[in-house]
Every structure is written in structure tokens, then in C-alpha cells.
Protein backbone atom coordinates (compact mmCIF):
# COMPACT_ATOMS: atom_id res chain seq x y z
CA MET A 1 2.21 32.01 19.01
CA PRO A 2 0.71 33.44 15.82
CA GLN A 3 1.06 31.52 12.54
CA THR A 4 3.23 33.03 9.94
CA LEU A 5 1.58 33.84 6.65
CA ALA A 6 3.88 31.37 4.90
CA ALA A 7 3.06 28.53 7.24
CA LYS A 8 -0.71 29.21 6.95
CA THR A 9 -0.44 29.36 3.18
CA ALA A 10 1.46 26.11 3.11
CA ARG A 11 -1.09 24.34 5.32
CA GLU A 12 -3.91 25.62 3.16
CA HIS A 13 -2.19 24.27 0.06
CA VAL A 14 -1.62 20.94 1.62
CA ALA A 15 -5.27 20.70 2.58
CA LYS A 16 -6.47 21.66 -0.82
CA ALA A 17 -4.10 19.08 -2.49
CA ARG A 18 -5.47 16.41 -0.15
CA GLN A 19 -9.00 17.27 -0.85
CA ALA A 20 -8.33 17.23 -4.66
CA LYS A 21 -6.65 13.90 -4.56
CA ARG A 22 -9.44 12.37 -2.41
CA ALA A 23 -12.13 13.87 -4.70
CA SER A 24 -10.35 12.47 -7.82
CA ALA A 25 -10.18 9.00 -6.24
CA GLU A 26 -13.77 9.15 -5.10
CA GLU A 27 -14.92 10.14 -8.68
CA ILE A 28 -13.65 6.71 -9.90
CA GLY A 29 -15.17 4.80 -6.97
CA ILE A 30 -12.18 4.72 -4.52
CA ASP A 31 -13.95 5.95 -1.43
CA ALA A 32 -13.42 5.00 2.17
CA HIS A 33 -15.87 2.05 1.91
CA PHE A 34 -14.00 0.73 -1.10
CA ILE A 35 -10.65 1.03 0.71
CA SER A 36 -12.08 -0.81 3.75
CA GLU A 37 -13.58 -3.61 1.71
CA MET A 38 -10.45 -3.92 -0.39
CA VAL A 39 -8.23 -4.34 2.68
CA GLU A 40 -10.62 -6.78 4.34
CA ARG A 41 -10.87 -8.98 1.27
CA PHE A 42 -7.23 -8.79 0.34
CA TYR A 43 -5.90 -9.83 3.73
CA ALA A 44 -8.44 -12.66 3.89
CA SER A 45 -6.80 -13.97 0.77
CA ILE A 46 -3.32 -13.40 2.23
CA ARG A 47 -4.12 -15.36 5.32
CA ALA A 48 -5.43 -18.34 3.22
CA ASP A 49 -2.35 -18.23 0.92
CA ASP A 50 0.22 -21.10 1.26
CA LEU A 51 3.23 -18.85 0.51
CA LEU A 52 2.29 -15.65 2.29
CA GLY A 53 -0.14 -16.78 5.00
CA PRO A 54 2.57 -18.26 7.29
CA ILE A 55 4.74 -15.15 7.00
CA PHE A 56 1.81 -12.94 8.12
CA ALA A 57 0.71 -15.44 10.79
CA GLU A 58 4.05 -15.30 12.44
CA ARG A 59 3.93 -11.47 12.75
CA ILE A 60 0.35 -10.49 13.11
CA GLY A 61 -1.17 -11.24 16.52
CA ASN A 62 -4.09 -8.94 16.37
CA TRP A 63 -5.71 -9.00 12.93
CA PRO A 64 -8.42 -6.35 13.60
CA VAL A 65 -5.69 -3.84 14.69
CA HIS A 66 -3.58 -4.76 11.68
CA LEU A 67 -6.41 -4.36 9.28
CA GLU A 68 -7.32 -0.88 10.66
CA ARG A 69 -3.68 0.13 10.27
CA MET A 70 -3.68 -1.08 6.67
CA LYS A 71 -6.84 0.95 6.05
CA LEU A 72 -5.14 4.02 7.34
CA PHE A 73 -2.18 3.17 5.09
CA TRP A 74 -4.22 2.82 1.91
CA ARG A 75 -6.31 5.94 2.66
CA SER A 76 -3.07 7.71 3.00
CA VAL A 77 -1.84 6.36 -0.32
CA LEU A 78 -5.05 6.72 -2.30
CA HIS A 79 -6.54 9.83 -0.68
CA ASN A 80 -3.31 11.48 0.54
CA SER A 81 -5.13 11.61 3.94
CA GLY A 82 -1.98 11.81 6.07
CA GLU A 83 -3.49 9.36 8.52
CA PHE A 84 -0.78 6.73 8.37
CA SER A 85 2.59 6.97 10.20
CA GLY A 86 5.03 4.24 10.29
CA ASN A 87 8.03 2.69 8.60
CA PRO A 88 6.88 -0.17 6.22
CA MET A 89 10.44 -0.51 4.85
CA ALA A 90 11.95 -1.30 8.31
CA ARG A 91 9.13 -3.77 9.01
CA HIS A 92 9.81 -5.63 5.70
CA ILE A 93 13.60 -5.45 5.97
CA SER A 94 13.30 -7.32 9.26
CA ILE A 95 11.59 -10.35 7.70
CA PRO A 96 14.30 -12.81 6.58
CA ASP A 97 14.40 -14.31 3.16
CA LEU A 98 11.73 -12.08 1.48
CA GLU A 99 12.34 -12.16 -2.21
CA GLU A 100 10.71 -11.34 -5.55
CA ALA A 101 8.45 -14.46 -5.48
CA HIS A 102 6.82 -13.22 -2.31
CA PHE A 103 6.11 -9.80 -3.77
CA SER A 104 4.90 -11.29 -7.01
CA ARG A 105 2.50 -13.42 -5.12
CA TRP A 106 1.41 -10.46 -3.06
CA LEU A 107 0.66 -8.53 -6.26
CA GLN A 108 -1.15 -11.45 -7.87
CA LEU A 109 -3.45 -11.66 -4.86
CA PHE A 110 -3.90 -7.99 -4.79
CA TYR A 111 -4.76 -7.75 -8.46
CA ALA A 112 -7.24 -10.68 -8.21
CA ASN A 113 -8.86 -9.02 -5.28
CA LEU A 114 -9.28 -5.67 -7.19
CA HIS A 115 -10.86 -7.51 -10.17
CA SER A 116 -13.18 -9.48 -7.91
CA MET A 117 -14.50 -6.20 -6.44
CA ASN A 118 -15.82 -5.16 -9.93
CA ALA A 119 -14.01 -1.89 -9.58
CA GLY A 120 -14.00 0.24 -12.80
CA PRO A 121 -10.90 0.18 -15.07
CA GLN A 122 -9.68 3.55 -13.78
CA ALA A 123 -9.84 2.38 -10.20
CA VAL A 124 -8.12 -0.95 -10.97
CA SER A 125 -5.40 0.89 -12.87
CA LEU A 126 -4.81 3.49 -10.19
CA VAL A 127 -4.92 1.15 -7.18
CA GLY A 128 -2.95 -1.55 -9.00
CA GLU A 129 -0.23 0.80 -10.07
CA ARG A 130 0.10 2.10 -6.57
CA ALA A 131 0.36 -1.42 -5.19
CA ARG A 132 3.05 -2.27 -7.73
CA MET A 133 5.01 0.84 -6.93
CA ILE A 134 4.83 -0.08 -3.23
CA ALA A 135 5.94 -3.68 -3.86
CA GLU A 136 8.76 -2.59 -6.15
CA SER A 137 9.97 -0.01 -3.67
CA LEU A 138 10.00 -2.51 -0.78
CA LEU A 139 11.65 -5.12 -2.77
CA ALA A 140 14.37 -2.82 -3.97
CA GLY A 141 14.85 -1.38 -0.46
CA ILE A 142 15.17 -4.88 1.02
CA ALA A 143 17.55 -6.05 -1.72
CA THR A 144 19.67 -2.87 -1.37
CA HIS A 145 19.82 -3.36 2.39
CA ARG A 146 21.00 -6.97 2.02
CA ASP A 147 23.16 -6.67 -1.21
CA GLY A 148 24.18 -3.05 -1.43
CA ILE A 149 23.63 -0.92 -4.51
CA ALA A 150 23.34 -4.03 -6.66
CA GLY A 151 20.01 -4.66 -5.06
CA ALA A 152 18.46 -1.43 -6.31
CA ASN A 153 17.39 -3.13 -9.64
CA GLN A 154 15.09 -5.50 -7.85
CA GLY A 155 11.45 -5.32 -8.57
CA ARG A 156 11.44 -4.58 -12.25
CA ASN A 157 10.06 -8.04 -13.08
CA LEU A 158 7.02 -7.74 -10.77
CA PRO A 159 3.60 -8.28 -12.41
CA HIS A 160 1.47 -5.33 -13.58
CA VAL A 161 -2.20 -5.04 -13.05
């Protein structure tokens, strides 16, 4: 079945937008290697953490598979690669008793990891802001699911990079 001109134009636009976002990220050092190392280091700190380690240990049986999935996720976030498919909100909603303290700790570890990688200030800012937006969104979604519309304000007090 032949492509319509509009569908072809839309796909070309998406491809160009993805290429531009990736090129922009790579200009400030956020390439595939950076993302891979960031994920590996970050989850090593998560696994060693007293607060978050046990939560992850209960749910992650195969760490290499999880790490590869998180690399897909972060490439999708930072490069707009489109590689990740999944529902992080549903996964997090299913974890009982997650609250702001957990997301604050997650961000503290994330930011410390970013700084330890000696990333440039633009990279730290971009990746850190994306991490905070993700944490805030997940926290608000969990709280809204549990508490109704009153939960929508959750996450405003999370730390910034």
C-alpha cells in the first residue's frame, strides 16, 4: 500500500526532529556512551542505598536486562530515540508506600552521579532537569492515583540539580 504524502512528510519531520535532539545532546557530551555509563553508575549507587536498594532488590531479578531497559529509556528521553516502550507510571503505582522521601533520595543519588561523571554544566542541567521532571511526574501520578486530585500537587518540593 503506497504511503500518503502527508504520512511520509510526518515521518520525515519526526526523523529530523529526533536527529536534531540527538545532535543537540551530543554537542554537550550526552552521547550513547555517556548515557550507558550514567545508567550503570547510577543503578550501582541505587543498589547500595539503604532506602532505595531494598525496593529495587524486591523487584529486579535480572539486573543486566533492567539496565539495558533503562538505557533505552534514557536514550528515548535525552535523544528522543523512540527506543523505549513501557509504562513507568503503572510500574511505580504498583509499589506500595512510595512517597516524596523516596523520590528525593532518588534525585540526590542521580545528581551526585551526574556530578561525579564530570559532565559539563549544560549536560548536568539538561539531564538533571529531565530526571526531576520524571520524578515529579511519577510522584504526582502516584499521589493522584492514591489520593485523588489532591495528590496532583506532589513533587513540588523535590530537589533541583
